[in-house]
Amino acid sequence: MNMDRVLLQWIVIWLAAAAYVLWRHWKTDKGVGLLLTYILTFGMLHWTAAALYLLPWFDSSWHDLTREGSRLAAYAMVAFAVGTELEPWIPGHAQTRADGEKPARLPASKRAIKIYLLTGIVLYAFVTPLAGSIPSVGALAATGSMLVVIALGLKCWNAWRKKRTRRFWAVLLATCLLPVATVVVQGFLGYGFAAMLAVFAFVASFYRPRWKVMVLGLAIGYLGLSVFVTYMRDRDDIRSVVWGGSAFEQRFEQIAETAGSAEWFNIFDANQLDRIDQRLNQNYLIGASVKRLEGKFVPYADGGTLLDALFAIVPRALWPDKPITAGSGGLAAKYTGITFAVGTSVGIGQLMELYINFGVTGVLIGFCVIGIVLMRIDGKAARALHRGDARYFVLWYLPGLSLLQIGGSFVEVTSTAAAGLVMANILRHLMGHLKNRRRPAPVGAVSTAQ
């Protein structure tokens, strides 16, 4: 098979734009890893599988659709890069520090970290299973996993700041267990992997030297692909045990069996490449939506789904009959014309959603705005982190994590962001109350109690 030069062109453009953003912003101390996490997640869904089509020994019937989707993915990443450059020109921008001045890098409050970790575990392990279906309560409970991410990241920050190397690596090692936890509890690898990636990207924002981060990142990337192809091979067996309500002992036995026959990623293994293509290739879905819209089989949404995303911010407790629900609501099937297996949930993704609303114009403007917003949030969170203000850091970082749902709909983004903002404020006021209670009375103060 001759190399598809058009596909190569779009893949290279995407890679160049992503590299430019990292070169411009990751090398500074002005972020906390949100930009890096976004680019890595976007790459997994819109670059990894597409790159496989450049291999002479790999191809599928999705080739043409993947090429078309790769074109829009390249447009999106270029627009995202432009947005990050425009952010300093938007009113409200503030420099992290004066040129040449190093950030203070103060440690975060230990008490705050404990509260985030305990709250996250309680919400994820107890509240979600018991009350996750209650309006608004479920949305707040869903922030539990993100609070665990924040707590682990801040633990790494404090350990690095205080030069406690063993503790630093112990926390990072514990972070690697997040995918195991989500597989055991929910039967999903993606949720835990996304949480782990967010922690690693957060650490990569301050860890030095950079070359060690890149080497370790390549090693983690290879291990991640190996875990993924192994999980996809046994996914049905794992989910039959987990979703069947089996005891945790049986779940661990199944996972141990899968781990015992783990496969190392092999770029020449056609079965492994197929597993990656089947699950991580979002570009062919986008290509299918382009063809379907161009053929006028379905009309453009004309902003309808984006309006739903705004309505999703309103809590269901205040609007019980709100017709908007989390998820893509069958949009992927409608705009691709593809019939998915019963019980299969396919996210529309941010790229496809912007395209089905306003075409290429929507993609360019939308991703430029995302670049601006994510850059602003990343900077705000970094400034709070460097001055040791954990409460203000969470106020920005927790809602910012919602933007990283690249494979989901904007309804999920806005609803999660709103819940994250509410939870961050609840915790901020709680910690402020605890701080005031522990504050000693002024010397010479006279009690009025008789």
Protein backbone atom coordinates (compact mmCIF):
# COMPACT_ATOMS: atom_id res chain seq x y z
CA MET A 1 0.00 0.00 0.00
CA ASN A 2 1.35 3.43 -0.92
CA MET A 3 1.54 5.98 1.88
CA ASP A 4 -1.45 8.31 2.06
CA ARG A 5 0.33 11.66 1.67
CA VAL A 6 -2.81 13.69 2.38
CA LEU A 7 -3.37 11.89 5.67
CA LEU A 8 0.31 12.33 6.50
CA GLN A 9 -0.04 16.05 5.89
CA TRP A 10 -2.90 16.44 8.37
CA ILE A 11 -1.20 14.28 10.98
CA VAL A 12 2.00 16.34 10.72
CA ILE A 13 0.08 19.62 10.96
CA TRP A 14 -1.73 18.38 14.07
CA LEU A 15 1.55 17.27 15.63
CA ALA A 16 3.30 20.55 14.78
CA ALA A 17 0.50 22.64 16.33
CA ALA A 18 0.47 20.49 19.49
CA ALA A 19 4.27 20.67 19.77
CA TYR A 20 4.14 24.44 19.39
CA VAL A 21 1.67 24.81 22.27
CA LEU A 22 3.82 22.63 24.52
CA TRP A 23 7.01 24.43 23.53
CA ARG A 24 5.45 27.81 24.22
CA HIS A 25 3.65 27.05 27.46
CA TRP A 26 4.78 23.78 29.05
CA LYS A 27 8.36 25.02 29.49
CA THR A 28 7.19 27.82 31.77
CA ASP A 29 5.75 27.71 35.28
CA LYS A 30 2.50 29.34 34.23
CA GLY A 31 0.30 26.24 34.21
CA VAL A 32 -0.68 23.18 36.22
CA GLY A 33 -0.92 20.62 33.43
CA LEU A 34 -4.40 21.29 32.05
CA LEU A 35 -3.04 22.25 28.62
CA LEU A 36 -0.79 19.21 28.56
CA THR A 37 -3.62 16.87 29.62
CA TYR A 38 -5.92 18.31 26.97
CA ILE A 39 -3.39 17.83 24.18
CA LEU A 40 -2.50 14.28 25.26
CA THR A 41 -6.16 13.28 25.55
CA PHE A 42 -6.99 14.90 22.21
CA GLY A 43 -4.05 13.06 20.67
CA MET A 44 -5.23 9.71 21.96
CA LEU A 45 -8.62 10.16 20.30
CA HIS A 46 -7.67 12.03 17.13
CA TRP A 47 -4.03 11.21 16.37
CA THR A 48 -3.01 7.76 17.64
CA ALA A 49 -5.37 5.61 15.56
CA ALA A 50 -5.05 7.89 12.52
CA ALA A 51 -1.27 7.46 12.59
CA LEU A 52 -1.72 3.70 12.28
CA TYR A 53 -3.06 4.21 8.76
CA LEU A 54 0.39 5.36 7.69
CA LEU A 55 1.77 1.90 8.40
CA PRO A 56 2.12 -0.10 5.15
CA TRP A 57 0.76 -3.25 6.81
CA PHE A 58 -2.36 -1.67 8.31
CA ASP A 59 -5.56 -0.44 6.66
CA SER A 60 -9.32 -0.71 7.03
CA SER A 61 -12.52 0.34 5.34
CA TRP A 62 -12.47 3.47 7.50
CA HIS A 63 -9.44 4.90 5.71
CA ASP A 64 -11.19 7.67 3.75
CA LEU A 65 -13.36 8.69 6.69
CA THR A 66 -10.33 8.74 8.99
CA ARG A 67 -8.50 11.01 6.56
CA GLU A 68 -11.43 13.44 6.54
CA GLY A 69 -11.65 13.43 10.32
CA SER A 70 -7.90 14.00 10.57
CA ARG A 71 -8.29 17.14 8.47
CA LEU A 72 -10.74 18.62 10.99
CA ALA A 73 -8.57 17.46 13.90
CA ALA A 74 -5.65 19.38 12.40
CA TYR A 75 -7.83 22.48 12.01
CA ALA A 76 -8.93 22.12 15.64
CA MET A 77 -5.42 21.89 17.05
CA VAL A 78 -4.22 24.87 15.02
CA ALA A 79 -7.21 26.90 16.28
CA PHE A 80 -6.48 25.72 19.83
CA ALA A 81 -2.88 26.94 19.48
CA VAL A 82 -4.11 30.32 18.24
CA GLY A 83 -6.41 30.56 21.26
CA THR A 84 -3.55 30.01 23.70
CA GLU A 85 -1.66 32.85 22.00
CA LEU A 86 -4.67 35.17 22.12
CA GLU A 87 -5.38 34.61 25.83
CA PRO A 88 -2.89 37.25 27.11
CA TRP A 89 -4.69 39.85 25.01
CA ILE A 90 -8.08 39.11 26.57
CA PRO A 91 -9.10 41.47 29.43
CA GLY A 92 -8.47 39.99 32.87
CA HIS A 93 -5.13 38.39 32.06
CA ALA A 94 -2.51 38.75 34.75
CA GLN A 95 1.12 37.74 34.63
CA THR A 96 2.12 34.87 36.88
CA ARG A 97 5.22 36.82 37.87
CA ALA A 98 7.50 39.50 36.58
CA ASP A 99 9.97 38.51 33.91
CA GLY A 100 12.95 36.72 35.44
CA GLU A 101 11.25 36.32 38.82
CA LYS A 102 10.79 32.76 40.07
CA PRO A 103 7.43 31.70 41.53
CA ALA A 104 7.22 31.36 45.30
CA ARG A 105 6.20 27.68 45.10
CA LEU A 106 4.75 27.46 48.61
CA PRO A 107 3.43 24.11 49.87
CA ALA A 108 -0.31 23.54 50.05
CA SER A 109 -2.18 23.08 53.32
CA LYS A 110 -1.97 19.50 54.60
CA ARG A 111 -5.42 19.84 56.14
CA ALA A 112 -6.88 20.94 52.82
CA ILE A 113 -5.34 17.95 51.05
CA LYS A 114 -6.77 15.55 53.62
CA ILE A 115 -10.21 17.09 53.26
CA TYR A 116 -10.07 16.81 49.45
CA LEU A 117 -8.93 13.18 49.61
CA LEU A 118 -11.46 12.10 52.24
CA THR A 119 -14.32 13.95 50.53
CA GLY A 120 -13.39 12.47 47.16
CA ILE A 121 -13.26 8.90 48.48
CA VAL A 122 -16.58 9.26 50.33
CA LEU A 123 -18.31 10.74 47.28
CA TYR A 124 -16.93 8.15 44.86
CA ALA A 125 -17.19 5.03 47.01
CA PHE A 126 -20.35 5.68 49.02
CA VAL A 127 -22.47 8.62 47.85
CA THR A 128 -22.41 7.81 44.12
CA PRO A 129 -23.57 4.17 44.49
CA LEU A 130 -26.26 5.05 47.07
CA ALA A 131 -27.55 8.45 45.95
CA GLY A 132 -26.07 8.99 42.50
CA SER A 133 -29.51 8.99 40.87
CA ILE A 134 -30.88 11.81 43.06
CA PRO A 135 -31.11 15.07 41.08
CA SER A 136 -28.15 17.41 41.68
CA VAL A 137 -26.73 15.09 44.36
CA GLY A 138 -25.43 12.79 41.65
CA ALA A 139 -23.74 15.70 39.87
CA LEU A 140 -21.94 16.76 43.05
CA ALA A 141 -21.02 13.16 43.86
CA ALA A 142 -19.43 12.84 40.43
CA THR A 143 -16.78 15.35 41.50
CA GLY A 144 -15.42 12.76 43.93
CA SER A 145 -12.94 11.22 41.49
CA MET A 146 -11.69 14.68 40.53
CA LEU A 147 -11.10 15.58 44.19
CA VAL A 148 -8.98 12.44 44.54
CA VAL A 149 -6.96 13.59 41.52
CA ILE A 150 -6.46 17.00 43.14
CA ALA A 151 -5.40 15.51 46.47
CA LEU A 152 -2.84 13.18 44.87
CA GLY A 153 -1.46 16.00 42.75
CA LEU A 154 -1.09 18.32 45.74
CA LYS A 155 0.59 15.56 47.74
CA CYS A 156 3.16 15.27 44.95
CA TRP A 157 3.55 19.06 44.91
CA ASN A 158 4.27 19.20 48.66
CA ALA A 159 6.65 16.25 48.56
CA TRP A 160 8.58 17.77 45.65
CA ARG A 161 8.61 21.20 47.26
CA LYS A 162 9.98 19.76 50.54
CA LYS A 163 12.44 17.45 48.71
CA ARG A 164 10.85 14.28 50.10
CA THR A 165 11.75 12.04 47.18
CA ARG A 166 10.47 8.74 48.58
CA ARG A 167 7.07 10.18 49.40
CA PHE A 168 6.88 11.82 45.98
CA TRP A 169 7.44 8.56 44.12
CA ALA A 170 5.20 6.63 46.53
CA VAL A 171 2.27 8.93 45.72
CA LEU A 172 2.95 8.64 41.97
CA LEU A 173 3.01 4.87 42.31
CA ALA A 174 -0.29 4.96 44.18
CA THR A 175 -1.72 7.05 41.32
CA CYS A 176 -1.06 4.14 38.95
CA LEU A 177 -3.69 2.17 40.88
CA LEU A 178 -6.49 4.52 39.77
CA PRO A 179 -7.17 2.57 36.52
CA VAL A 180 -7.27 -0.65 38.53
CA ALA A 181 -9.82 0.88 40.90
CA THR A 182 -12.17 2.02 38.14
CA VAL A 183 -11.95 -1.35 36.37
CA VAL A 184 -12.74 -3.23 39.60
CA VAL A 185 -15.59 -0.92 40.63
CA GLN A 186 -17.10 0.09 37.27
CA GLY A 187 -15.55 -2.12 34.61
CA PHE A 188 -14.10 0.89 32.79
CA LEU A 189 -10.41 1.54 32.17
CA GLY A 190 -10.81 4.98 30.58
CA TYR A 191 -12.03 6.81 33.70
CA GLY A 192 -9.10 5.69 35.80
CA PHE A 193 -6.60 6.28 33.03
CA ALA A 194 -7.89 9.84 32.53
CA ALA A 195 -7.54 10.52 36.26
CA MET A 196 -4.00 9.12 36.30
CA LEU A 197 -3.07 11.17 33.24
CA ALA A 198 -4.31 14.37 34.92
CA VAL A 199 -2.08 13.72 37.96
CA PHE A 200 0.94 12.92 35.79
CA ALA A 201 0.42 16.06 33.69
CA PHE A 202 0.07 18.14 36.85
CA VAL A 203 3.39 16.76 38.13
CA ALA A 204 5.00 17.31 34.72
CA SER A 205 4.15 21.02 35.03
CA PHE A 206 6.68 21.49 37.84
CA TYR A 207 9.02 18.49 37.82
CA ARG A 208 12.61 19.07 36.72
CA PRO A 209 14.58 18.31 34.62
CA ARG A 210 12.26 18.25 31.61
CA TRP A 211 14.18 15.56 29.75
CA LYS A 212 13.41 13.08 32.51
CA VAL A 213 9.71 13.93 32.17
CA MET A 214 9.84 13.25 28.42
CA VAL A 215 11.71 9.96 28.81
CA LEU A 216 9.35 8.81 31.56
CA GLY A 217 6.40 9.98 29.47
CA LEU A 218 7.48 7.80 26.53
CA ALA A 219 7.86 4.80 28.84
CA ILE A 220 4.42 5.42 30.38
CA GLY A 221 2.95 5.84 26.90
CA TYR A 222 4.26 2.44 25.83
CA LEU A 223 3.07 0.79 29.03
CA GLY A 224 -0.30 2.48 28.59
CA LEU A 225 -0.71 1.05 25.08
CA SER A 226 0.26 -2.39 26.39
CA VAL A 227 -2.33 -2.18 29.17
CA PHE A 228 -4.94 -0.90 26.73
CA VAL A 229 -4.58 -3.69 24.14
CA THR A 230 -4.60 -6.27 26.93
CA TYR A 231 -7.70 -4.77 28.54
CA MET A 232 -9.53 -4.58 25.21
CA ARG A 233 -8.73 -8.23 24.57
CA ASP A 234 -10.43 -9.29 27.83
CA ARG A 235 -12.87 -6.40 28.26
CA ASP A 236 -16.02 -8.50 27.80
CA ASP A 237 -14.85 -11.03 30.39
CA ILE A 238 -13.98 -8.30 32.88
CA ARG A 239 -17.29 -6.50 32.46
CA SER A 240 -19.32 -9.67 32.71
CA VAL A 241 -17.82 -10.21 36.17
CA VAL A 242 -18.06 -6.58 37.30
CA TRP A 243 -21.47 -5.76 35.85
CA GLY A 244 -22.80 -9.13 36.93
CA GLY A 245 -22.41 -8.06 40.55
CA SER A 246 -19.74 -10.60 41.41
CA ALA A 247 -17.84 -10.31 44.68
CA PHE A 248 -14.67 -8.24 44.67
CA GLU A 249 -12.63 -11.43 45.13
CA GLN A 250 -13.86 -12.72 41.76
CA ARG A 251 -13.23 -9.37 40.13
CA PHE A 252 -9.63 -9.34 41.34
CA GLU A 253 -9.21 -12.92 40.16
CA GLN A 254 -10.32 -11.95 36.66
CA ILE A 255 -8.01 -8.94 36.61
CA ALA A 256 -5.13 -11.06 37.91
CA GLU A 257 -5.79 -13.57 35.14
CA THR A 258 -5.76 -10.79 32.54
CA ALA A 259 -2.57 -9.28 34.00
CA GLY A 260 -0.94 -12.70 34.01
CA SER A 261 -1.37 -12.98 30.25
CA ALA A 262 -0.65 -9.33 29.46
CA GLU A 263 0.57 -8.43 25.99
CA TRP A 264 3.35 -5.98 25.25
CA PHE A 265 2.31 -3.55 22.55
CA ASN A 266 3.61 -4.71 19.17
CA ILE A 267 3.23 -2.35 16.24
CA PHE A 268 3.31 -5.34 13.86
CA ASP A 269 0.46 -7.18 15.61
CA ALA A 270 -2.65 -6.69 13.46
CA ASN A 271 -5.01 -7.73 16.27
CA GLN A 272 -3.62 -5.10 18.61
CA LEU A 273 -3.80 -2.41 15.94
CA ASP A 274 -7.43 -3.32 15.31
CA ARG A 275 -8.26 -2.94 19.00
CA ILE A 276 -6.75 0.55 19.03
CA ASP A 277 -8.52 1.48 15.81
CA GLN A 278 -11.88 0.18 17.00
CA ARG A 279 -11.83 2.09 20.31
CA LEU A 280 -9.64 5.17 19.87
CA ASN A 281 -10.41 6.21 16.30
CA GLN A 282 -12.71 9.22 16.68
CA ASN A 283 -11.67 10.59 13.30
CA TYR A 284 -13.64 8.08 11.27
CA LEU A 285 -16.80 9.06 13.16
CA ILE A 286 -16.12 12.70 12.37
CA GLY A 287 -15.47 11.81 8.73
CA ALA A 288 -18.80 9.97 8.60
CA SER A 289 -20.62 13.01 9.99
CA VAL A 290 -18.96 15.23 7.37
CA LYS A 291 -20.17 13.00 4.55
CA ARG A 292 -23.66 12.75 6.03
CA LEU A 293 -24.01 16.51 6.42
CA GLU A 294 -22.55 17.24 2.99
CA GLY A 295 -25.02 14.78 1.49
CA LYS A 296 -27.86 16.61 3.31
CA PHE A 297 -29.05 13.40 4.97
CA VAL A 298 -29.35 15.36 8.22
CA PRO A 299 -29.49 19.11 8.90
CA TYR A 300 -26.90 21.03 10.86
CA ALA A 301 -27.77 21.48 14.54
CA ASP A 302 -27.31 25.26 14.20
CA GLY A 303 -26.24 25.68 17.80
CA GLY A 304 -28.97 23.49 19.30
CA THR A 305 -26.61 21.20 21.22
CA LEU A 306 -24.57 24.16 22.44
CA LEU A 307 -27.76 25.77 23.77
CA ASP A 308 -28.48 22.51 25.58
CA ALA A 309 -25.04 22.82 27.17
CA LEU A 310 -26.02 26.20 28.59
CA PHE A 311 -29.31 24.85 29.95
CA ALA A 312 -27.41 21.93 31.52
CA ILE A 313 -25.86 24.36 34.01
CA VAL A 314 -29.25 24.76 35.74
CA PRO A 315 -29.47 22.15 38.55
CA ARG A 316 -32.18 19.54 38.13
CA ALA A 317 -33.18 20.27 41.72
CA LEU A 318 -34.34 23.69 40.47
CA TRP A 319 -35.66 22.37 37.13
CA PRO A 320 -37.04 18.84 37.79
CA ASP A 321 -38.43 18.44 34.25
CA LYS A 322 -35.23 19.56 32.52
CA PRO A 323 -35.16 17.60 29.23
CA ILE A 324 -31.36 17.65 28.95
CA THR A 325 -29.41 14.67 30.24
CA ALA A 326 -25.71 13.90 30.42
CA GLY A 327 -24.18 11.99 27.55
CA SER A 328 -24.46 12.39 23.81
CA GLY A 329 -28.08 11.27 23.59
CA GLY A 330 -27.72 9.33 20.34
CA LEU A 331 -26.15 12.28 18.49
CA ALA A 332 -23.24 10.16 17.28
CA ALA A 333 -25.59 7.65 15.63
CA LYS A 334 -27.76 10.39 14.14
CA TYR A 335 -24.94 12.35 12.53
CA THR A 336 -22.74 9.44 11.46
CA GLY A 337 -25.52 7.16 10.23
CA ILE A 338 -23.80 4.27 11.99
CA THR A 339 -25.85 1.79 14.01
CA PHE A 340 -24.00 0.90 17.18
CA ALA A 341 -24.48 -2.25 19.22
CA VAL A 342 -27.26 -2.27 21.80
CA GLY A 343 -25.98 -0.94 25.12
CA THR A 344 -22.98 0.74 23.50
CA SER A 345 -22.54 4.39 24.45
CA VAL A 346 -20.62 6.43 21.88
CA GLY A 347 -19.67 9.97 22.82
CA ILE A 348 -20.05 12.64 20.17
CA GLY A 349 -16.86 14.40 21.21
CA GLN A 350 -16.12 18.12 21.20
CA LEU A 351 -14.77 18.17 17.64
CA MET A 352 -17.78 16.48 16.06
CA GLU A 353 -20.23 18.51 18.12
CA LEU A 354 -18.75 21.80 16.96
CA TYR A 355 -18.77 20.59 13.35
CA ILE A 356 -22.38 19.39 13.33
CA ASN A 357 -23.46 22.80 14.61
CA PHE A 358 -21.56 25.23 12.39
CA GLY A 359 -19.23 23.23 10.15
CA VAL A 360 -15.57 24.20 9.80
CA THR A 361 -16.31 27.69 11.11
CA GLY A 362 -17.63 26.17 14.34
CA VAL A 363 -14.49 24.06 14.69
CA LEU A 364 -12.13 27.00 14.19
CA ILE A 365 -13.96 29.41 16.50
CA GLY A 366 -14.86 26.76 19.06
CA PHE A 367 -11.35 25.44 19.56
CA CYS A 368 -9.92 28.93 19.62
CA VAL A 369 -12.30 29.72 22.49
CA ILE A 370 -11.39 26.45 24.24
CA GLY A 371 -7.71 27.39 23.95
CA ILE A 372 -8.38 30.81 25.48
CA VAL A 373 -10.52 29.45 28.33
CA LEU A 374 -8.22 26.55 29.22
CA MET A 375 -5.15 28.79 29.10
CA ARG A 376 -6.83 31.28 31.44
CA ILE A 377 -7.93 28.59 33.90
CA ASP A 378 -4.50 26.92 33.82
CA GLY A 379 -2.84 30.23 34.65
CA LYS A 380 -5.24 31.15 37.44
CA ALA A 381 -4.79 27.74 39.07
CA ALA A 382 -0.99 28.00 38.76
CA ARG A 383 -0.88 31.38 40.48
CA ALA A 384 -2.93 30.03 43.39
CA LEU A 385 -0.74 26.91 43.62
CA HIS A 386 2.50 28.87 43.70
CA ARG A 387 1.35 31.00 46.61
CA GLY A 388 0.15 27.92 48.52
CA ASP A 389 -3.54 28.79 48.31
CA ALA A 390 -5.15 25.34 47.96
CA ARG A 391 -8.70 26.68 48.25
CA TYR A 392 -8.35 29.14 45.38
CA PHE A 393 -6.42 26.56 43.35
CA VAL A 394 -9.31 24.10 43.58
CA LEU A 395 -11.78 26.86 42.71
CA TRP A 396 -10.15 27.00 39.24
CA TYR A 397 -8.64 23.56 38.77
CA LEU A 398 -11.72 21.50 39.67
CA PRO A 399 -14.02 23.11 37.05
CA GLY A 400 -11.08 23.17 34.62
CA LEU A 401 -10.89 19.38 34.71
CA SER A 402 -14.34 19.25 33.10
CA LEU A 403 -12.95 20.70 29.85
CA LEU A 404 -10.79 17.60 29.50
CA GLN A 405 -13.83 15.47 28.53
CA ILE A 406 -12.83 15.67 24.87
CA GLY A 407 -14.71 12.53 23.89
CA GLY A 408 -17.95 13.65 25.50
CA SER A 409 -20.54 16.30 24.77
CA PHE A 410 -20.55 19.93 25.87
CA VAL A 411 -23.57 19.13 28.05
CA GLU A 412 -21.23 16.93 30.09
CA VAL A 413 -18.60 19.68 30.15
CA THR A 414 -20.89 22.44 31.42
CA SER A 415 -22.81 20.31 33.90
CA THR A 416 -19.60 18.88 35.36
CA ALA A 417 -17.99 22.32 35.48
CA ALA A 418 -21.00 23.77 37.32
CA ALA A 419 -20.97 20.90 39.83
CA GLY A 420 -17.21 21.32 40.28
CA LEU A 421 -17.59 25.03 40.94
CA VAL A 422 -20.31 24.40 43.53
CA MET A 423 -18.26 21.69 45.26
CA ALA A 424 -15.13 23.88 45.27
CA ASN A 425 -17.07 26.69 46.95
CA ILE A 426 -18.58 24.30 49.51
CA LEU A 427 -15.12 23.04 50.44
CA ARG A 428 -13.69 26.57 50.45
CA HIS A 429 -16.29 27.78 52.93
CA LEU A 430 -15.93 24.60 55.01
CA MET A 431 -12.19 25.05 55.35
CA GLY A 432 -12.61 28.74 56.09
CA HIS A 433 -15.01 27.84 58.88
CA LEU A 434 -12.59 25.26 60.31
CA LYS A 435 -9.74 27.74 60.11
CA ASN A 436 -11.72 30.36 62.04
CA ARG A 437 -12.64 27.83 64.72
CA ARG A 438 -8.98 26.93 65.29
CA ARG A 439 -7.82 30.55 65.34
CA PRO A 440 -6.87 31.60 68.90
CA ALA A 441 -8.70 34.51 70.51
CA PRO A 442 -6.85 37.87 70.52
CA VAL A 443 -4.78 38.58 73.61
CA GLY A 444 -6.80 40.60 76.09
CA ALA A 445 -10.16 39.63 74.63
CA VAL A 446 -12.89 39.43 77.27
CA SER A 447 -15.62 36.81 77.01
CA THR A 448 -19.15 38.13 77.19
CA ALA A 449 -20.47 34.79 78.43
CA GLN A 450 -21.64 34.92 82.03
